[in-house]
Amino acid sequence: MNKRVVFIGAALAATLALGIAGYQWYQNHSMVAVTLEWARLAPFPEGATEFTITTSGGMFSREFHVVFVAPPEEIAAWLKASPGIQDAEIEEQDNSVLYKIKPGGGAQHAEVEHNPHTNRITVYVVWS
């Protein structure tokens, strides 16, 4: 009886852990897809590291923030392949270039900041 209870408990714990991991993967995948649509971007570079995506907002608004680092040649190819970058308003800043993008997918704001000195990309999109 004890072995059976332990086995059932372990099976339930494993199922729960897999369910949580699957949900987190789905949520991350969904946030990436929406960010790419709203900013009209090509898929993020394969060599991207230090990748983070966070969300904020409430019932009537949603914001996504993406940060990653990639090799310069991958960033250049990604920027060139991204439709939102092609017709963006470009603003030179101290250490970076800000692309103010005409958003897609019903979003109200989209921008990409590229720091060529650190190879860091920051993407910010808003829907409300």
N, C-alpha and C. Protein backbone atom coordinates (compact mmCIF):
# COMPACT_ATOMS: atom_id res chain seq x y z
N MET A 1 0.83 -1.20 0.00
CA MET A 1 0.00 0.00 0.00
C MET A 1 0.87 1.26 0.00
N ASN A 2 1.90 1.33 0.85
CA ASN A 2 2.76 2.50 0.89
C ASN A 2 3.47 2.74 -0.42
N LYS A 3 3.95 1.68 -1.08
CA LYS A 3 4.64 1.82 -2.35
C LYS A 3 3.68 2.37 -3.41
N ARG A 4 2.45 1.91 -3.35
CA ARG A 4 1.46 2.38 -4.31
C ARG A 4 1.17 3.87 -4.12
N VAL A 5 1.03 4.31 -2.88
CA VAL A 5 0.78 5.72 -2.58
C VAL A 5 1.97 6.57 -3.02
N VAL A 6 3.17 6.09 -2.76
CA VAL A 6 4.37 6.81 -3.17
C VAL A 6 4.43 6.90 -4.69
N PHE A 7 4.13 5.80 -5.37
CA PHE A 7 4.16 5.79 -6.83
C PHE A 7 3.14 6.76 -7.41
N ILE A 8 1.92 6.74 -6.88
CA ILE A 8 0.87 7.64 -7.36
C ILE A 8 1.26 9.10 -7.08
N GLY A 9 1.81 9.37 -5.92
CA GLY A 9 2.25 10.73 -5.59
C GLY A 9 3.36 11.20 -6.52
N ALA A 10 4.31 10.31 -6.81
CA ALA A 10 5.41 10.66 -7.72
C ALA A 10 4.88 10.90 -9.13
N ALA A 11 3.94 10.06 -9.57
CA ALA A 11 3.37 10.22 -10.90
C ALA A 11 2.60 11.53 -11.00
N LEU A 12 1.85 11.88 -9.98
CA LEU A 12 1.12 13.15 -9.99
C LEU A 12 2.08 14.34 -9.99
N ALA A 13 3.14 14.26 -9.21
CA ALA A 13 4.13 15.34 -9.16
C ALA A 13 4.81 15.50 -10.51
N ALA A 14 5.16 14.40 -11.15
CA ALA A 14 5.81 14.46 -12.47
C ALA A 14 4.86 15.05 -13.51
N THR A 15 3.59 14.64 -13.46
CA THR A 15 2.60 15.17 -14.39
C THR A 15 2.41 16.67 -14.19
N LEU A 16 2.36 17.09 -12.96
CA LEU A 16 2.22 18.51 -12.65
C LEU A 16 3.44 19.29 -13.15
N ALA A 17 4.62 18.78 -12.90
CA ALA A 17 5.85 19.45 -13.34
C ALA A 17 5.88 19.56 -14.87
N LEU A 18 5.52 18.50 -15.57
CA LEU A 18 5.49 18.55 -17.03
C LEU A 18 4.42 19.52 -17.53
N GLY A 19 3.30 19.56 -16.87
CA GLY A 19 2.23 20.49 -17.24
C GLY A 19 2.67 21.94 -17.07
N ILE A 20 3.33 22.23 -15.97
CA ILE A 20 3.82 23.60 -15.73
C ILE A 20 4.88 23.96 -16.75
N ALA A 21 5.81 23.05 -17.03
CA ALA A 21 6.86 23.32 -18.03
C ALA A 21 6.24 23.53 -19.41
N GLY A 22 5.25 22.72 -19.76
CA GLY A 22 4.58 22.87 -21.05
C GLY A 22 3.85 24.19 -21.15
N TYR A 23 3.20 24.59 -20.08
CA TYR A 23 2.49 25.87 -20.07
C TYR A 23 3.47 27.03 -20.22
N GLN A 24 4.59 26.97 -19.50
CA GLN A 24 5.59 28.04 -19.59
C GLN A 24 6.17 28.11 -21.00
N TRP A 25 6.43 26.95 -21.63
CA TRP A 25 6.94 26.95 -23.00
C TRP A 25 5.92 27.59 -23.93
N TYR A 26 4.65 27.20 -23.79
CA TYR A 26 3.59 27.75 -24.63
C TYR A 26 3.47 29.26 -24.44
N GLN A 27 3.49 29.70 -23.18
CA GLN A 27 3.36 31.12 -22.88
C GLN A 27 4.53 31.89 -23.49
N ASN A 28 5.75 31.39 -23.33
CA ASN A 28 6.93 32.04 -23.91
C ASN A 28 6.83 32.09 -25.43
N HIS A 29 6.45 30.98 -26.03
CA HIS A 29 6.31 30.90 -27.49
C HIS A 29 5.26 31.90 -27.97
N SER A 30 4.17 32.02 -27.26
CA SER A 30 3.09 32.93 -27.61
C SER A 30 3.55 34.39 -27.49
N MET A 31 4.28 34.71 -26.43
CA MET A 31 4.77 36.08 -26.25
C MET A 31 5.74 36.46 -27.36
N VAL A 32 6.59 35.53 -27.76
CA VAL A 32 7.53 35.79 -28.85
C VAL A 32 6.77 36.03 -30.15
N ALA A 33 5.79 35.17 -30.45
CA ALA A 33 5.02 35.31 -31.69
C ALA A 33 4.31 36.65 -31.75
N VAL A 34 3.71 37.07 -30.65
CA VAL A 34 2.98 38.35 -30.62
C VAL A 34 3.96 39.51 -30.77
N THR A 35 5.09 39.45 -30.11
CA THR A 35 6.09 40.51 -30.23
C THR A 35 6.56 40.66 -31.67
N LEU A 36 6.84 39.53 -32.33
CA LEU A 36 7.28 39.57 -33.73
C LEU A 36 6.20 40.17 -34.62
N GLU A 37 4.94 39.82 -34.37
CA GLU A 37 3.83 40.35 -35.18
C GLU A 37 3.65 41.85 -34.94
N TRP A 38 3.61 42.26 -33.68
CA TRP A 38 3.34 43.66 -33.37
C TRP A 38 4.46 44.58 -33.85
N ALA A 39 5.72 44.11 -33.82
CA ALA A 39 6.84 44.94 -34.27
C ALA A 39 7.23 44.64 -35.72
N ARG A 40 6.50 43.70 -36.34
CA ARG A 40 6.77 43.34 -37.73
C ARG A 40 8.24 42.96 -37.91
N LEU A 41 8.68 41.99 -37.11
CA LEU A 41 10.08 41.57 -37.11
C LEU A 41 10.24 40.16 -37.67
N ALA A 42 11.41 39.89 -38.20
CA ALA A 42 11.78 38.53 -38.60
C ALA A 42 12.01 37.72 -37.32
N PRO A 43 11.99 36.38 -37.41
CA PRO A 43 12.30 35.58 -36.21
C PRO A 43 13.65 35.99 -35.61
N PHE A 44 13.72 35.94 -34.30
CA PHE A 44 14.95 36.35 -33.62
C PHE A 44 16.12 35.49 -34.07
N PRO A 45 17.34 36.06 -34.08
CA PRO A 45 18.51 35.32 -34.57
C PRO A 45 18.75 34.02 -33.80
N GLU A 46 19.22 33.00 -34.52
CA GLU A 46 19.53 31.70 -33.91
C GLU A 46 20.60 31.83 -32.84
N GLY A 47 21.56 32.72 -33.06
CA GLY A 47 22.67 32.87 -32.12
C GLY A 47 22.39 33.80 -30.96
N ALA A 48 21.13 34.18 -30.76
CA ALA A 48 20.79 35.10 -29.67
C ALA A 48 21.07 34.44 -28.32
N THR A 49 21.71 35.20 -27.44
CA THR A 49 21.97 34.73 -26.08
C THR A 49 21.41 35.75 -25.11
N GLU A 50 21.43 35.41 -23.85
CA GLU A 50 20.91 36.30 -22.80
C GLU A 50 19.49 36.76 -23.14
N PHE A 51 18.72 35.88 -23.76
CA PHE A 51 17.36 36.21 -24.23
C PHE A 51 16.39 36.23 -23.06
N THR A 52 15.69 37.35 -22.92
CA THR A 52 14.61 37.43 -21.93
C THR A 52 13.40 38.07 -22.60
N ILE A 53 12.23 37.63 -22.18
CA ILE A 53 10.99 38.26 -22.62
C ILE A 53 10.10 38.38 -21.40
N THR A 54 9.58 39.59 -21.20
CA THR A 54 8.70 39.83 -20.07
C THR A 54 7.46 40.54 -20.57
N THR A 55 6.42 40.45 -19.79
CA THR A 55 5.16 41.10 -20.15
C THR A 55 4.65 41.89 -18.95
N SER A 56 3.89 42.90 -19.26
CA SER A 56 3.21 43.68 -18.23
C SER A 56 1.91 44.20 -18.82
N GLY A 57 1.09 44.76 -17.99
CA GLY A 57 -0.20 45.28 -18.43
C GLY A 57 -1.33 44.61 -17.70
N GLY A 58 -2.52 44.95 -18.11
CA GLY A 58 -3.70 44.41 -17.46
C GLY A 58 -4.69 43.91 -18.48
N MET A 59 -5.96 43.96 -18.11
CA MET A 59 -7.02 43.43 -18.96
C MET A 59 -7.15 44.22 -20.26
N PHE A 60 -6.84 45.50 -20.24
CA PHE A 60 -7.05 46.34 -21.41
C PHE A 60 -5.77 46.79 -22.10
N SER A 61 -4.63 46.29 -21.67
CA SER A 61 -3.37 46.64 -22.31
C SER A 61 -2.37 45.51 -22.12
N ARG A 62 -1.40 45.46 -22.99
CA ARG A 62 -0.36 44.44 -22.89
C ARG A 62 0.93 45.03 -23.46
N GLU A 63 2.03 44.80 -22.76
CA GLU A 63 3.35 45.24 -23.20
C GLU A 63 4.29 44.04 -23.16
N PHE A 64 5.18 43.97 -24.13
CA PHE A 64 6.22 42.95 -24.14
C PHE A 64 7.57 43.62 -24.28
N HIS A 65 8.52 43.14 -23.52
CA HIS A 65 9.90 43.63 -23.56
C HIS A 65 10.79 42.43 -23.87
N VAL A 66 11.60 42.54 -24.91
CA VAL A 66 12.53 41.48 -25.27
C VAL A 66 13.93 42.08 -25.25
N VAL A 67 14.87 41.34 -24.68
CA VAL A 67 16.27 41.75 -24.69
C VAL A 67 17.09 40.53 -25.08
N PHE A 68 18.06 40.74 -25.97
CA PHE A 68 19.00 39.68 -26.31
C PHE A 68 20.29 40.26 -26.85
N VAL A 69 21.30 39.42 -26.88
CA VAL A 69 22.59 39.76 -27.46
C VAL A 69 22.85 38.74 -28.56
N ALA A 70 23.43 39.20 -29.67
CA ALA A 70 23.73 38.28 -30.78
C ALA A 70 24.97 38.79 -31.51
N PRO A 71 25.60 37.92 -32.27
CA PRO A 71 26.76 38.35 -33.07
C PRO A 71 26.36 39.45 -34.06
N PRO A 72 27.26 40.40 -34.32
CA PRO A 72 26.92 41.54 -35.19
C PRO A 72 26.38 41.14 -36.55
N GLU A 73 26.95 40.11 -37.17
CA GLU A 73 26.47 39.71 -38.50
C GLU A 73 25.05 39.15 -38.44
N GLU A 74 24.70 38.48 -37.36
CA GLU A 74 23.32 37.98 -37.21
C GLU A 74 22.35 39.12 -36.96
N ILE A 75 22.77 40.11 -36.19
CA ILE A 75 21.91 41.27 -35.95
C ILE A 75 21.68 42.02 -37.26
N ALA A 76 22.74 42.21 -38.03
CA ALA A 76 22.61 42.92 -39.31
C ALA A 76 21.65 42.19 -40.24
N ALA A 77 21.77 40.86 -40.33
CA ALA A 77 20.87 40.07 -41.19
C ALA A 77 19.44 40.14 -40.67
N TRP A 78 19.26 40.08 -39.36
CA TRP A 78 17.93 40.13 -38.75
C TRP A 78 17.27 41.49 -39.01
N LEU A 79 18.03 42.56 -38.82
CA LEU A 79 17.48 43.89 -39.08
C LEU A 79 17.08 44.03 -40.54
N LYS A 80 17.90 43.52 -41.44
CA LYS A 80 17.62 43.61 -42.88
C LYS A 80 16.38 42.79 -43.25
N ALA A 81 16.15 41.68 -42.57
CA ALA A 81 15.03 40.79 -42.88
C ALA A 81 13.72 41.21 -42.22
N SER A 82 13.77 42.21 -41.35
CA SER A 82 12.59 42.62 -40.58
C SER A 82 11.84 43.74 -41.29
N PRO A 83 10.61 43.47 -41.75
CA PRO A 83 9.83 44.51 -42.45
C PRO A 83 9.63 45.78 -41.63
N GLY A 84 9.44 45.63 -40.33
CA GLY A 84 9.21 46.81 -39.49
C GLY A 84 10.40 47.75 -39.46
N ILE A 85 11.59 47.20 -39.59
CA ILE A 85 12.81 48.01 -39.57
C ILE A 85 12.95 48.78 -40.88
N GLN A 86 12.51 48.18 -41.98
CA GLN A 86 12.71 48.77 -43.30
C GLN A 86 12.03 50.12 -43.46
N ASP A 87 10.88 50.30 -42.83
CA ASP A 87 10.20 51.59 -42.96
C ASP A 87 10.11 52.34 -41.63
N ALA A 88 11.01 52.00 -40.71
CA ALA A 88 11.01 52.63 -39.39
C ALA A 88 11.63 54.03 -39.45
N GLU A 89 11.23 54.83 -38.50
CA GLU A 89 11.87 56.13 -38.29
C GLU A 89 13.10 55.86 -37.44
N ILE A 90 14.26 56.30 -37.89
CA ILE A 90 15.52 55.99 -37.21
C ILE A 90 15.99 57.21 -36.43
N GLU A 91 16.36 56.95 -35.18
CA GLU A 91 16.83 58.01 -34.31
C GLU A 91 18.17 57.59 -33.70
N GLU A 92 19.22 58.33 -34.01
CA GLU A 92 20.54 58.06 -33.45
C GLU A 92 20.58 58.56 -32.02
N GLN A 93 21.06 57.71 -31.10
CA GLN A 93 21.21 58.11 -29.71
C GLN A 93 22.68 58.03 -29.35
N ASP A 94 23.02 58.27 -28.10
CA ASP A 94 24.43 58.28 -27.68
C ASP A 94 25.17 57.01 -28.10
N ASN A 95 24.71 55.88 -27.64
CA ASN A 95 25.40 54.62 -27.92
C ASN A 95 24.55 53.63 -28.69
N SER A 96 23.43 54.09 -29.23
CA SER A 96 22.54 53.13 -29.87
C SER A 96 21.74 53.79 -31.00
N VAL A 97 21.03 52.92 -31.71
CA VAL A 97 20.13 53.36 -32.77
C VAL A 97 18.72 52.90 -32.38
N LEU A 98 17.77 53.83 -32.40
CA LEU A 98 16.39 53.52 -32.05
C LEU A 98 15.57 53.49 -33.33
N TYR A 99 14.89 52.37 -33.56
CA TYR A 99 14.00 52.22 -34.71
C TYR A 99 12.57 52.34 -34.19
N LYS A 100 11.88 53.42 -34.57
CA LYS A 100 10.48 53.61 -34.20
C LYS A 100 9.65 53.01 -35.33
N ILE A 101 9.01 51.90 -35.02
CA ILE A 101 8.35 51.05 -36.02
C ILE A 101 6.86 51.36 -36.10
N LYS A 102 6.33 51.31 -37.32
CA LYS A 102 4.88 51.35 -37.50
C LYS A 102 4.37 49.97 -37.10
N PRO A 103 3.66 49.87 -35.98
CA PRO A 103 3.30 48.55 -35.46
C PRO A 103 2.26 47.82 -36.30
N GLY A 104 2.24 46.51 -36.14
CA GLY A 104 1.26 45.67 -36.80
C GLY A 104 0.38 44.99 -35.76
N GLY A 105 -0.57 44.21 -36.24
CA GLY A 105 -1.41 43.41 -35.36
C GLY A 105 -2.25 44.19 -34.37
N GLY A 106 -2.54 45.44 -34.66
CA GLY A 106 -3.38 46.23 -33.77
C GLY A 106 -2.62 46.90 -32.64
N ALA A 107 -1.31 46.75 -32.59
CA ALA A 107 -0.52 47.38 -31.53
C ALA A 107 -0.47 48.89 -31.75
N GLN A 108 -0.21 49.62 -30.67
CA GLN A 108 -0.13 51.07 -30.76
C GLN A 108 1.30 51.58 -30.81
N HIS A 109 2.26 50.80 -30.37
CA HIS A 109 3.65 51.26 -30.32
C HIS A 109 4.58 50.08 -30.49
N ALA A 110 5.67 50.30 -31.23
CA ALA A 110 6.70 49.28 -31.39
C ALA A 110 8.03 49.97 -31.65
N GLU A 111 9.07 49.49 -30.99
CA GLU A 111 10.39 50.04 -31.22
C GLU A 111 11.46 48.99 -30.96
N VAL A 112 12.57 49.15 -31.65
CA VAL A 112 13.73 48.30 -31.46
C VAL A 112 14.91 49.22 -31.22
N GLU A 113 15.66 48.93 -30.17
CA GLU A 113 16.88 49.67 -29.89
C GLU A 113 18.07 48.74 -30.10
N HIS A 114 19.05 49.19 -30.86
CA HIS A 114 20.24 48.39 -31.17
C HIS A 114 21.47 49.13 -30.66
N ASN A 115 22.20 48.50 -29.78
CA ASN A 115 23.47 49.05 -29.32
C ASN A 115 24.58 48.28 -30.02
N PRO A 116 25.20 48.87 -31.05
CA PRO A 116 26.21 48.15 -31.81
C PRO A 116 27.51 47.90 -31.03
N HIS A 117 27.71 48.62 -29.94
CA HIS A 117 28.91 48.44 -29.12
C HIS A 117 28.82 47.19 -28.26
N THR A 118 27.61 46.86 -27.82
CA THR A 118 27.42 45.68 -26.97
C THR A 118 26.68 44.55 -27.69
N ASN A 119 26.25 44.81 -28.93
CA ASN A 119 25.46 43.84 -29.70
C ASN A 119 24.17 43.46 -28.99
N ARG A 120 23.61 44.43 -28.28
CA ARG A 120 22.39 44.20 -27.50
C ARG A 120 21.20 44.80 -28.24
N ILE A 121 20.13 44.02 -28.30
CA ILE A 121 18.87 44.45 -28.90
C ILE A 121 17.81 44.50 -27.81
N THR A 122 17.02 45.56 -27.82
CA THR A 122 15.86 45.68 -26.93
C THR A 122 14.64 45.95 -27.80
N VAL A 123 13.60 45.16 -27.62
CA VAL A 123 12.36 45.33 -28.37
C VAL A 123 11.27 45.67 -27.35
N TYR A 124 10.45 46.66 -27.69
CA TYR A 124 9.35 47.07 -26.82
C TYR A 124 8.11 47.27 -27.67
N VAL A 125 7.03 46.56 -27.34
CA VAL A 125 5.76 46.70 -28.06
C VAL A 125 4.63 46.89 -27.06
N VAL A 126 3.60 47.63 -27.50
CA VAL A 126 2.45 47.93 -26.64
C VAL A 126 1.16 47.80 -27.44
N TRP A 127 0.19 47.14 -26.84
CA TRP A 127 -1.17 47.11 -27.35
C TRP A 127 -2.08 47.57 -26.23
N SER A 128 -3.01 48.48 -26.54
CA SER A 128 -3.98 48.88 -25.51
C SER A 128 -5.28 49.28 -26.17
